[in-house]
Amino acid sequence: MSVTWKDIAFEPGPSFAEGVVQSWEWMTDRQDLKPFLCSQLGDVFCTDALGAVHWLSCSAGAIEWITPSRETFDAECAKNGAKVDEWFGPKLIEQLHAGGMVAGAGEAYMFVTLPIFKECKYEPANFKVAAANEIFVGLSEVHKLYDGMPDKTRVRMVVQD
């Protein structure tokens, strides 16, 4: 079994992209970010006003500069398998598919225990399928709750429907 680009990434529509930028503005402190690609694992790739590419991990609540341009990003994706593995997790998604977990339209894969917690594991049992908006926009609110807490702070989270 192998996965395709359609299995590991999607292009965000304009209103979805705008919602992502607005929901994470508290952390990024930027209004010039333009999402152009999302990974199925909760990451957003954006260009800034100068054309540089940034990697927003909605699961980890972090953003970092990764390449100076879209062209460089595309070239890295075409030639650097390690970067594709890091940015899009095709091997993990292949394992999720093999276990019968396949995200449909408007869905993506979400960590059950987020990377900000020491119990987080990067394995299929720690993922579920969720609405893309819940992951890419909703996780901003979760990270906002924990922003500024010192590392190793003990927290208890109760999730209610």
C-alpha atoms as a PDB file:
ATOM      1  CA  MET A   1       0.000   0.000   0.000  1.00  0.00           C
ATOM      2  CA  SER A   2       1.244   3.482  -0.752  1.00  0.00           C
ATOM      3  CA  VAL A   3      -0.218   6.918  -0.281  1.00  0.00           C
ATOM      4  CA  THR A   4      -0.510   9.749  -2.784  1.00  0.00           C
ATOM      5  CA  TRP A   5      -0.339  13.524  -2.343  1.00  0.00           C
ATOM      6  CA  LYS A   6      -4.144  13.528  -2.129  1.00  0.00           C
ATOM      7  CA  ASP A   7      -3.852  11.261   0.935  1.00  0.00           C
ATOM      8  CA  ILE A   8      -1.325  13.420   2.774  1.00  0.00           C
ATOM      9  CA  ALA A   9      -2.191  17.026   1.822  1.00  0.00           C
ATOM     10  CA  PHE A  10      -4.906  19.337   0.566  1.00  0.00           C
ATOM     11  CA  GLU A  11      -5.166  22.908  -0.669  1.00  0.00           C
ATOM     12  CA  PRO A  12      -7.205  25.090   1.682  1.00  0.00           C
ATOM     13  CA  GLY A  13     -10.079  27.086   0.239  1.00  0.00           C
ATOM     14  CA  PRO A  14     -10.061  30.870   0.760  1.00  0.00           C
ATOM     15  CA  SER A  15     -12.488  30.982   3.710  1.00  0.00           C
ATOM     16  CA  PHE A  16     -10.791  28.024   5.424  1.00  0.00           C
ATOM     17  CA  ALA A  17      -7.368  29.657   4.960  1.00  0.00           C
ATOM     18  CA  GLU A  18      -8.657  32.947   6.349  1.00  0.00           C
ATOM     19  CA  GLY A  19     -10.101  31.160   9.390  1.00  0.00           C
ATOM     20  CA  VAL A  20      -6.767  29.455  10.061  1.00  0.00           C
ATOM     21  CA  VAL A  21      -4.810  32.715   9.869  1.00  0.00           C
ATOM     22  CA  GLN A  22      -7.277  34.547  12.108  1.00  0.00           C
ATOM     23  CA  SER A  23      -7.408  31.790  14.720  1.00  0.00           C
ATOM     24  CA  TRP A  24      -3.604  31.585  15.055  1.00  0.00           C
ATOM     25  CA  GLU A  25      -2.852  35.313  14.829  1.00  0.00           C
ATOM     26  CA  TRP A  26      -2.504  35.501  18.645  1.00  0.00           C
ATOM     27  CA  MET A  27       0.539  33.192  18.370  1.00  0.00           C
ATOM     28  CA  THR A  28       2.037  34.120  15.005  1.00  0.00           C
ATOM     29  CA  ASP A  29       1.533  37.871  15.449  1.00  0.00           C
ATOM     30  CA  ARG A  30       1.327  38.065  11.656  1.00  0.00           C
ATOM     31  CA  GLN A  31      -1.411  39.119   9.300  1.00  0.00           C
ATOM     32  CA  ASP A  32       0.563  38.531   6.113  1.00  0.00           C
ATOM     33  CA  LEU A  33       0.475  34.710   6.160  1.00  0.00           C
ATOM     34  CA  LYS A  34      -1.261  33.039   3.227  1.00  0.00           C
ATOM     35  CA  PRO A  35      -1.903  29.289   3.629  1.00  0.00           C
ATOM     36  CA  PHE A  36      -1.350  27.367   0.400  1.00  0.00           C
ATOM     37  CA  LEU A  37      -1.169  23.746   1.581  1.00  0.00           C
ATOM     38  CA  CYS A  38      -2.305  21.708   4.597  1.00  0.00           C
ATOM     39  CA  SER A  39      -1.042  18.326   5.695  1.00  0.00           C
ATOM     40  CA  GLN A  40      -3.585  15.717   6.707  1.00  0.00           C
ATOM     41  CA  LEU A  41      -1.827  15.640  10.101  1.00  0.00           C
ATOM     42  CA  GLY A  42      -2.727  19.197  11.107  1.00  0.00           C
ATOM     43  CA  ASP A  43       0.027  21.331   9.631  1.00  0.00           C
ATOM     44  CA  VAL A  44      -0.352  24.436   7.491  1.00  0.00           C
ATOM     45  CA  PHE A  45       2.220  25.759   5.046  1.00  0.00           C
ATOM     46  CA  CYS A  46       1.995  29.507   4.475  1.00  0.00           C
ATOM     47  CA  THR A  47       3.840  32.158   2.535  1.00  0.00           C
ATOM     48  CA  ASP A  48       4.550  35.561   4.030  1.00  0.00           C
ATOM     49  CA  ALA A  49       4.637  38.971   2.333  1.00  0.00           C
ATOM     50  CA  LEU A  50       8.220  38.325   1.168  1.00  0.00           C
ATOM     51  CA  GLY A  51       7.383  34.877  -0.244  1.00  0.00           C
ATOM     52  CA  ALA A  52       9.103  32.801   2.463  1.00  0.00           C
ATOM     53  CA  VAL A  53       7.380  29.596   3.577  1.00  0.00           C
ATOM     54  CA  HIS A  54       6.430  28.977   7.200  1.00  0.00           C
ATOM     55  CA  TRP A  55       5.278  25.706   8.784  1.00  0.00           C
ATOM     56  CA  LEU A  56       2.428  26.103  11.285  1.00  0.00           C
ATOM     57  CA  SER A  57       1.870  22.971  13.347  1.00  0.00           C
ATOM     58  CA  CYS A  58      -1.644  23.251  14.737  1.00  0.00           C
ATOM     59  CA  SER A  59      -1.073  20.116  16.822  1.00  0.00           C
ATOM     60  CA  ALA A  60       2.140  21.390  18.447  1.00  0.00           C
ATOM     61  CA  GLY A  61       1.090  25.047  18.517  1.00  0.00           C
ATOM     62  CA  ALA A  62       4.299  26.174  16.827  1.00  0.00           C
ATOM     63  CA  ILE A  63       5.372  28.010  13.692  1.00  0.00           C
ATOM     64  CA  GLU A  64       8.753  28.065  12.006  1.00  0.00           C
ATOM     65  CA  TRP A  65      10.339  29.457   8.864  1.00  0.00           C
ATOM     66  CA  ILE A  66      11.329  26.584   6.551  1.00  0.00           C
ATOM     67  CA  THR A  67      12.255  27.872   3.091  1.00  0.00           C
ATOM     68  CA  PRO A  68      12.867  31.248   1.441  1.00  0.00           C
ATOM     69  CA  SER A  69      10.247  30.662  -1.296  1.00  0.00           C
ATOM     70  CA  ARG A  70       7.471  28.447  -2.661  1.00  0.00           C
ATOM     71  CA  GLU A  71       9.837  27.315  -5.403  1.00  0.00           C
ATOM     72  CA  THR A  72      12.355  26.123  -2.800  1.00  0.00           C
ATOM     73  CA  PHE A  73       9.576  24.411  -0.831  1.00  0.00           C
ATOM     74  CA  ASP A  74       8.327  22.621  -3.963  1.00  0.00           C
ATOM     75  CA  ALA A  75      11.877  21.560  -4.832  1.00  0.00           C
ATOM     76  CA  GLU A  76      12.425  20.199  -1.315  1.00  0.00           C
ATOM     77  CA  CYS A  77       9.201  18.212  -1.568  1.00  0.00           C
ATOM     78  CA  ALA A  78      10.247  16.820  -4.961  1.00  0.00           C
ATOM     79  CA  LYS A  79      13.770  15.734  -4.011  1.00  0.00           C
ATOM     80  CA  ASN A  80      13.979  15.386  -0.236  1.00  0.00           C
ATOM     81  CA  GLY A  81      12.070  12.355   1.029  1.00  0.00           C
ATOM     82  CA  ALA A  82      13.127  13.059   4.617  1.00  0.00           C
ATOM     83  CA  LYS A  83      11.470  16.490   4.480  1.00  0.00           C
ATOM     84  CA  VAL A  84       8.283  15.005   3.012  1.00  0.00           C
ATOM     85  CA  ASP A  85       8.288  12.448   5.854  1.00  0.00           C
ATOM     86  CA  GLU A  86       8.786  15.210   8.429  1.00  0.00           C
ATOM     87  CA  TRP A  87       6.258  17.639   6.987  1.00  0.00           C
ATOM     88  CA  PHE A  88       3.513  15.255   5.798  1.00  0.00           C
ATOM     89  CA  GLY A  89       3.954  11.898   7.584  1.00  0.00           C
ATOM     90  CA  PRO A  90       3.158   9.601   4.642  1.00  0.00           C
ATOM     91  CA  LYS A  91       4.364   6.499   6.491  1.00  0.00           C
ATOM     92  CA  LEU A  92       2.071   7.219   9.429  1.00  0.00           C
ATOM     93  CA  ILE A  93      -0.863   7.917   7.111  1.00  0.00           C
ATOM     94  CA  GLU A  94      -0.160   4.653   5.315  1.00  0.00           C
ATOM     95  CA  GLN A  95      -0.345   2.888   8.708  1.00  0.00           C
ATOM     96  CA  LEU A  96      -3.599   4.680   9.528  1.00  0.00           C
ATOM     97  CA  HIS A  97      -5.081   3.561   6.201  1.00  0.00           C
ATOM     98  CA  ALA A  98      -3.904  -0.006   6.751  1.00  0.00           C
ATOM     99  CA  GLY A  99      -5.735   0.043  10.089  1.00  0.00           C
ATOM    100  CA  GLY A 100      -8.938   1.228   8.417  1.00  0.00           C
ATOM    101  CA  MET A 101      -8.717   4.902   9.396  1.00  0.00           C
ATOM    102  CA  VAL A 102      -9.207   7.064   6.313  1.00  0.00           C
ATOM    103  CA  ALA A 103     -10.042  10.772   6.454  1.00  0.00           C
ATOM    104  CA  GLY A 104     -12.820  11.838   4.109  1.00  0.00           C
ATOM    105  CA  ALA A 105     -13.660  15.184   2.532  1.00  0.00           C
ATOM    106  CA  GLY A 106     -13.379  17.998   5.063  1.00  0.00           C
ATOM    107  CA  GLU A 107     -11.549  15.762   7.537  1.00  0.00           C
ATOM    108  CA  ALA A 108      -7.970  15.194   8.672  1.00  0.00           C
ATOM    109  CA  TYR A 109      -6.083  13.231  11.322  1.00  0.00           C
ATOM    110  CA  MET A 110      -5.854  14.645  14.822  1.00  0.00           C
ATOM    111  CA  PHE A 111      -3.656  13.658  17.741  1.00  0.00           C
ATOM    112  CA  VAL A 112      -5.679  12.249  20.626  1.00  0.00           C
ATOM    113  CA  THR A 113      -2.922  13.324  23.024  1.00  0.00           C
ATOM    114  CA  LEU A 114      -1.298  16.459  21.638  1.00  0.00           C
ATOM    115  CA  PRO A 115       2.493  16.867  21.203  1.00  0.00           C
ATOM    116  CA  ILE A 116       2.543  19.464  23.991  1.00  0.00           C
ATOM    117  CA  PHE A 117       1.979  16.626  26.484  1.00  0.00           C
ATOM    118  CA  LYS A 118       4.755  14.207  27.427  1.00  0.00           C
ATOM    119  CA  GLU A 119       2.396  11.244  26.941  1.00  0.00           C
ATOM    120  CA  CYS A 120       2.061  12.017  23.229  1.00  0.00           C
ATOM    121  CA  LYS A 121       3.092   9.227  20.904  1.00  0.00           C
ATOM    122  CA  TYR A 122       3.542   9.526  17.141  1.00  0.00           C
ATOM    123  CA  GLU A 123       1.773   6.264  16.360  1.00  0.00           C
ATOM    124  CA  PRO A 124      -1.575   5.255  14.830  1.00  0.00           C
ATOM    125  CA  ALA A 125      -3.258   4.536  18.192  1.00  0.00           C
ATOM    126  CA  ASN A 126      -2.844   8.237  19.120  1.00  0.00           C
ATOM    127  CA  PHE A 127      -4.804   9.545  16.127  1.00  0.00           C
ATOM    128  CA  LYS A 128      -8.434   9.928  15.205  1.00  0.00           C
ATOM    129  CA  VAL A 129     -10.286  11.347  12.225  1.00  0.00           C
ATOM    130  CA  ALA A 130     -11.798  14.761  12.958  1.00  0.00           C
ATOM    131  CA  ALA A 131     -13.329  17.666  11.076  1.00  0.00           C
ATOM    132  CA  ALA A 132     -10.530  19.713   9.507  1.00  0.00           C
ATOM    133  CA  ASN A 133     -11.885  22.903  11.072  1.00  0.00           C
ATOM    134  CA  GLU A 134     -11.680  21.327  14.549  1.00  0.00           C
ATOM    135  CA  ILE A 135      -7.974  20.652  13.994  1.00  0.00           C
ATOM    136  CA  PHE A 136      -6.734  23.641  12.026  1.00  0.00           C
ATOM    137  CA  VAL A 137      -8.853  26.298  13.763  1.00  0.00           C
ATOM    138  CA  GLY A 138     -10.117  24.727  16.995  1.00  0.00           C
ATOM    139  CA  LEU A 139      -6.730  23.647  18.332  1.00  0.00           C
ATOM    140  CA  SER A 140      -5.734  27.298  18.479  1.00  0.00           C
ATOM    141  CA  GLU A 141      -8.044  27.719  21.469  1.00  0.00           C
ATOM    142  CA  VAL A 142      -6.491  24.725  23.227  1.00  0.00           C
ATOM    143  CA  HIS A 143      -2.988  26.089  22.738  1.00  0.00           C
ATOM    144  CA  LYS A 144      -4.092  29.528  23.891  1.00  0.00           C
ATOM    145  CA  LEU A 145      -5.056  27.970  27.252  1.00  0.00           C
ATOM    146  CA  TYR A 146      -1.542  26.610  27.775  1.00  0.00           C
ATOM    147  CA  ASP A 147       0.418  29.486  26.272  1.00  0.00           C
ATOM    148  CA  GLY A 148       3.038  30.804  28.669  1.00  0.00           C
ATOM    149  CA  MET A 149       2.889  27.886  31.093  1.00  0.00           C
ATOM    150  CA  PRO A 150       6.318  26.682  32.150  1.00  0.00           C
ATOM    151  CA  ASP A 151       7.472  23.339  30.748  1.00  0.00           C
ATOM    152  CA  LYS A 152       6.536  20.347  32.892  1.00  0.00           C
ATOM    153  CA  THR A 153       3.522  22.119  34.400  1.00  0.00           C
ATOM    154  CA  ARG A 154       1.009  19.470  35.437  1.00  0.00           C
ATOM    155  CA  VAL A 155      -2.407  19.974  33.876  1.00  0.00           C
ATOM    156  CA  ARG A 156      -5.650  18.062  33.831  1.00  0.00           C
ATOM    157  CA  MET A 157      -7.836  18.384  30.782  1.00  0.00           C
ATOM    158  CA  VAL A 158     -11.462  17.257  30.741  1.00  0.00           C
ATOM    159  CA  VAL A 159     -13.056  17.073  27.309  1.00  0.00           C
ATOM    160  CA  GLN A 160     -16.817  17.411  27.134  1.00  0.00           C
ATOM    161  CA  ASP A 161     -19.105  17.078  24.143  1.00  0.00           C
END
